[in-house]
Amino acid sequence: VQLVESGGGLVQAGGSVRLSCAASGGTFTSYPPHWYRQVQGKEREFVASISWTGSIPRYGDSVKGRFTISGDSAKNMVYLQMDSLKSEDTAIYYCNDPGLGIWGQGTQVTVSS
């Protein structure tokens, strides 16, 4: 199984981007999928997670109220809707399934001010 992120790109501050994560060659486990992000030279930062059972999603403090995580088990996909983007959201975004213990290659999001 591979986790494949997509949807990143260059966006202006205040704009929106929707990231997607697919479990290629398999399926997500029952563990809550997560989104993280990383800026070069800094530690990976938790962004959001969601349970497949529908419990309330969790968000990092820096993205609360602006980002929305969702999952579609039928399509084997996890999404991250990013609104009201700021320059400090610029990073490589990764999805993660704790049950698989693997990371995707990430997708770059660059927010221009």
C-alpha atoms as a PDB file:
ATOM      1  CA  VAL A   1       0.000   0.000   0.000  1.00  0.00           C
ATOM      2  CA  GLN A   2       1.164   3.515  -0.787  1.00  0.00           C
ATOM      3  CA  LEU A   3      -0.302   6.812   0.381  1.00  0.00           C
ATOM      4  CA  VAL A   4      -0.472   9.286  -2.474  1.00  0.00           C
ATOM      5  CA  GLU A   5      -1.163  12.952  -1.769  1.00  0.00           C
ATOM      6  CA  SER A   6      -2.255  15.399  -4.448  1.00  0.00           C
ATOM      7  CA  GLY A   7      -3.843  18.792  -4.940  1.00  0.00           C
ATOM      8  CA  GLY A   8      -1.083  21.082  -3.785  1.00  0.00           C
ATOM      9  CA  GLY A   9       0.154  24.082  -5.688  1.00  0.00           C
ATOM     10  CA  LEU A  10       0.593  27.833  -5.584  1.00  0.00           C
ATOM     11  CA  VAL A  11      -2.272  29.844  -4.154  1.00  0.00           C
ATOM     12  CA  GLN A  12      -2.728  33.431  -3.057  1.00  0.00           C
ATOM     13  CA  ALA A  13      -3.265  34.328   0.560  1.00  0.00           C
ATOM     14  CA  GLY A  14      -6.938  34.126   1.417  1.00  0.00           C
ATOM     15  CA  GLY A  15      -7.519  31.464  -1.180  1.00  0.00           C
ATOM     16  CA  SER A  16      -8.438  27.786  -0.913  1.00  0.00           C
ATOM     17  CA  VAL A  17      -6.969  24.442  -1.837  1.00  0.00           C
ATOM     18  CA  ARG A  18      -8.282  20.921  -1.470  1.00  0.00           C
ATOM     19  CA  LEU A  19      -5.774  18.155  -0.856  1.00  0.00           C
ATOM     20  CA  SER A  20      -6.498  14.506  -1.496  1.00  0.00           C
ATOM     21  CA  CYS A  21      -4.895  11.350  -0.154  1.00  0.00           C
ATOM     22  CA  ALA A  22      -5.404   7.953  -1.713  1.00  0.00           C
ATOM     23  CA  ALA A  23      -4.376   4.576  -0.367  1.00  0.00           C
ATOM     24  CA  SER A  24      -3.003   3.118  -3.566  1.00  0.00           C
ATOM     25  CA  GLY A  25      -2.809  -0.639  -3.826  1.00  0.00           C
ATOM     26  CA  GLY A  26      -4.832  -1.209  -0.690  1.00  0.00           C
ATOM     27  CA  THR A  27      -7.124   0.457   1.804  1.00  0.00           C
ATOM     28  CA  PHE A  28      -6.859   2.684   4.811  1.00  0.00           C
ATOM     29  CA  THR A  29      -6.932   0.841   8.120  1.00  0.00           C
ATOM     30  CA  SER A  30      -9.514   1.500  10.831  1.00  0.00           C
ATOM     31  CA  TYR A  31      -7.114   3.955  12.515  1.00  0.00           C
ATOM     32  CA  PRO A  32      -7.956   7.657  12.142  1.00  0.00           C
ATOM     33  CA  PRO A  33      -6.104   9.071   9.155  1.00  0.00           C
ATOM     34  CA  HIS A  34      -4.062  12.190   9.816  1.00  0.00           C
ATOM     35  CA  TRP A  35      -2.701  15.154   7.903  1.00  0.00           C
ATOM     36  CA  TYR A  36       0.655  16.654   8.876  1.00  0.00           C
ATOM     37  CA  ARG A  37       2.789  19.364   7.361  1.00  0.00           C
ATOM     38  CA  GLN A  38       6.449  20.180   7.397  1.00  0.00           C
ATOM     39  CA  VAL A  39       8.543  23.191   6.577  1.00  0.00           C
ATOM     40  CA  GLN A  40      12.157  22.522   5.722  1.00  0.00           C
ATOM     41  CA  GLY A  41      14.279  22.667   8.815  1.00  0.00           C
ATOM     42  CA  LYS A  42      11.338  22.326  11.174  1.00  0.00           C
ATOM     43  CA  GLU A  43       9.580  19.399  12.800  1.00  0.00           C
ATOM     44  CA  ARG A  44       6.546  17.824  11.221  1.00  0.00           C
ATOM     45  CA  GLU A  45       3.400  19.487  12.563  1.00  0.00           C
ATOM     46  CA  PHE A  46       0.032  17.870  13.204  1.00  0.00           C
ATOM     47  CA  VAL A  47      -2.724  19.411  11.099  1.00  0.00           C
ATOM     48  CA  ALA A  48      -5.848  17.284  11.418  1.00  0.00           C
ATOM     49  CA  SER A  49      -7.243  13.811  11.976  1.00  0.00           C
ATOM     50  CA  ILE A  50     -10.624  12.165  11.645  1.00  0.00           C
ATOM     51  CA  SER A  51     -12.171   8.905  12.742  1.00  0.00           C
ATOM     52  CA  TRP A  52     -13.813   6.626  10.208  1.00  0.00           C
ATOM     53  CA  THR A  53     -16.585   6.115  12.744  1.00  0.00           C
ATOM     54  CA  GLY A  54     -17.701   9.734  12.520  1.00  0.00           C
ATOM     55  CA  SER A  55     -16.401  11.172  15.762  1.00  0.00           C
ATOM     56  CA  ILE A  56     -15.459  14.824  15.948  1.00  0.00           C
ATOM     57  CA  PRO A  57     -12.300  15.580  13.961  1.00  0.00           C
ATOM     58  CA  ARG A  58      -9.250  17.100  15.614  1.00  0.00           C
ATOM     59  CA  TYR A  59      -7.250  20.060  14.368  1.00  0.00           C
ATOM     60  CA  GLY A  60      -4.009  21.733  15.166  1.00  0.00           C
ATOM     61  CA  ASP A  61      -4.435  25.115  16.810  1.00  0.00           C
ATOM     62  CA  SER A  62      -2.968  26.965  13.864  1.00  0.00           C
ATOM     63  CA  VAL A  63      -5.586  25.650  11.414  1.00  0.00           C
ATOM     64  CA  LYS A  64      -8.748  25.482  13.523  1.00  0.00           C
ATOM     65  CA  GLY A  65     -11.670  27.177  11.839  1.00  0.00           C
ATOM     66  CA  ARG A  66      -9.901  27.280   8.460  1.00  0.00           C
ATOM     67  CA  PHE A  67      -9.203  23.666   7.501  1.00  0.00           C
ATOM     68  CA  THR A  68     -11.637  20.770   7.254  1.00  0.00           C
ATOM     69  CA  ILE A  69     -10.677  17.109   7.115  1.00  0.00           C
ATOM     70  CA  SER A  70     -12.994  14.515   5.653  1.00  0.00           C
ATOM     71  CA  GLY A  71     -12.858  10.914   4.593  1.00  0.00           C
ATOM     72  CA  ASP A  72     -14.709   8.764   2.107  1.00  0.00           C
ATOM     73  CA  SER A  73     -14.281   5.089   2.927  1.00  0.00           C
ATOM     74  CA  ALA A  74     -16.182   4.020  -0.177  1.00  0.00           C
ATOM     75  CA  LYS A  75     -13.675   5.855  -2.375  1.00  0.00           C
ATOM     76  CA  ASN A  76     -10.756   5.039  -0.087  1.00  0.00           C
ATOM     77  CA  MET A  77      -9.865   8.724   0.080  1.00  0.00           C
ATOM     78  CA  VAL A  78      -9.067  11.344   2.696  1.00  0.00           C
ATOM     79  CA  TYR A  79      -9.323  15.061   1.987  1.00  0.00           C
ATOM     80  CA  LEU A  80      -8.148  18.313   3.509  1.00  0.00           C
ATOM     81  CA  GLN A  81     -10.066  21.431   2.544  1.00  0.00           C
ATOM     82  CA  MET A  82      -7.888  24.443   3.263  1.00  0.00           C
ATOM     83  CA  ASP A  83      -9.558  27.858   3.325  1.00  0.00           C
ATOM     84  CA  SER A  84      -8.429  31.353   4.265  1.00  0.00           C
ATOM     85  CA  LEU A  85      -4.877  30.346   3.545  1.00  0.00           C
ATOM     86  CA  LYS A  86      -1.989  32.303   5.037  1.00  0.00           C
ATOM     87  CA  SER A  87       1.641  32.483   4.036  1.00  0.00           C
ATOM     88  CA  GLU A  88       2.539  30.490   7.133  1.00  0.00           C
ATOM     89  CA  ASP A  89       0.537  27.568   5.755  1.00  0.00           C
ATOM     90  CA  THR A  90       3.248  27.086   3.159  1.00  0.00           C
ATOM     91  CA  ALA A  91       4.623  23.575   3.679  1.00  0.00           C
ATOM     92  CA  ILE A  92       4.712  20.066   2.351  1.00  0.00           C
ATOM     93  CA  TYR A  93       1.537  18.295   3.416  1.00  0.00           C
ATOM     94  CA  TYR A  94       1.531  14.593   4.216  1.00  0.00           C
ATOM     95  CA  CYS A  95      -1.212  12.154   5.016  1.00  0.00           C
ATOM     96  CA  ASN A  96      -0.639   9.291   7.378  1.00  0.00           C
ATOM     97  CA  ASP A  97      -2.437   6.155   8.449  1.00  0.00           C
ATOM     98  CA  PRO A  98      -1.129   5.103  11.866  1.00  0.00           C
ATOM     99  CA  GLY A  99      -2.188   1.526  11.164  1.00  0.00           C
ATOM    100  CA  LEU A 100      -0.054   1.345   8.022  1.00  0.00           C
ATOM    101  CA  GLY A 101       2.956   3.048   9.526  1.00  0.00           C
ATOM    102  CA  ILE A 102       3.894   4.700   6.244  1.00  0.00           C
ATOM    103  CA  TRP A 103       4.028   8.218   4.814  1.00  0.00           C
ATOM    104  CA  GLY A 104       3.275   9.453   1.361  1.00  0.00           C
ATOM    105  CA  GLN A 105       5.616  11.608  -0.675  1.00  0.00           C
ATOM    106  CA  GLY A 106       3.724  14.727   0.307  1.00  0.00           C
ATOM    107  CA  THR A 107       2.301  17.567  -1.731  1.00  0.00           C
ATOM    108  CA  GLN A 108       3.689  21.102  -1.689  1.00  0.00           C
ATOM    109  CA  VAL A 109       1.379  23.984  -0.850  1.00  0.00           C
ATOM    110  CA  THR A 110       2.785  27.451  -1.360  1.00  0.00           C
ATOM    111  CA  VAL A 111       0.784  30.480  -0.277  1.00  0.00           C
ATOM    112  CA  SER A 112       1.868  33.783  -1.742  1.00  0.00           C
ATOM    113  CA  SER A 113       1.183  36.981   0.159  1.00  0.00           C
END
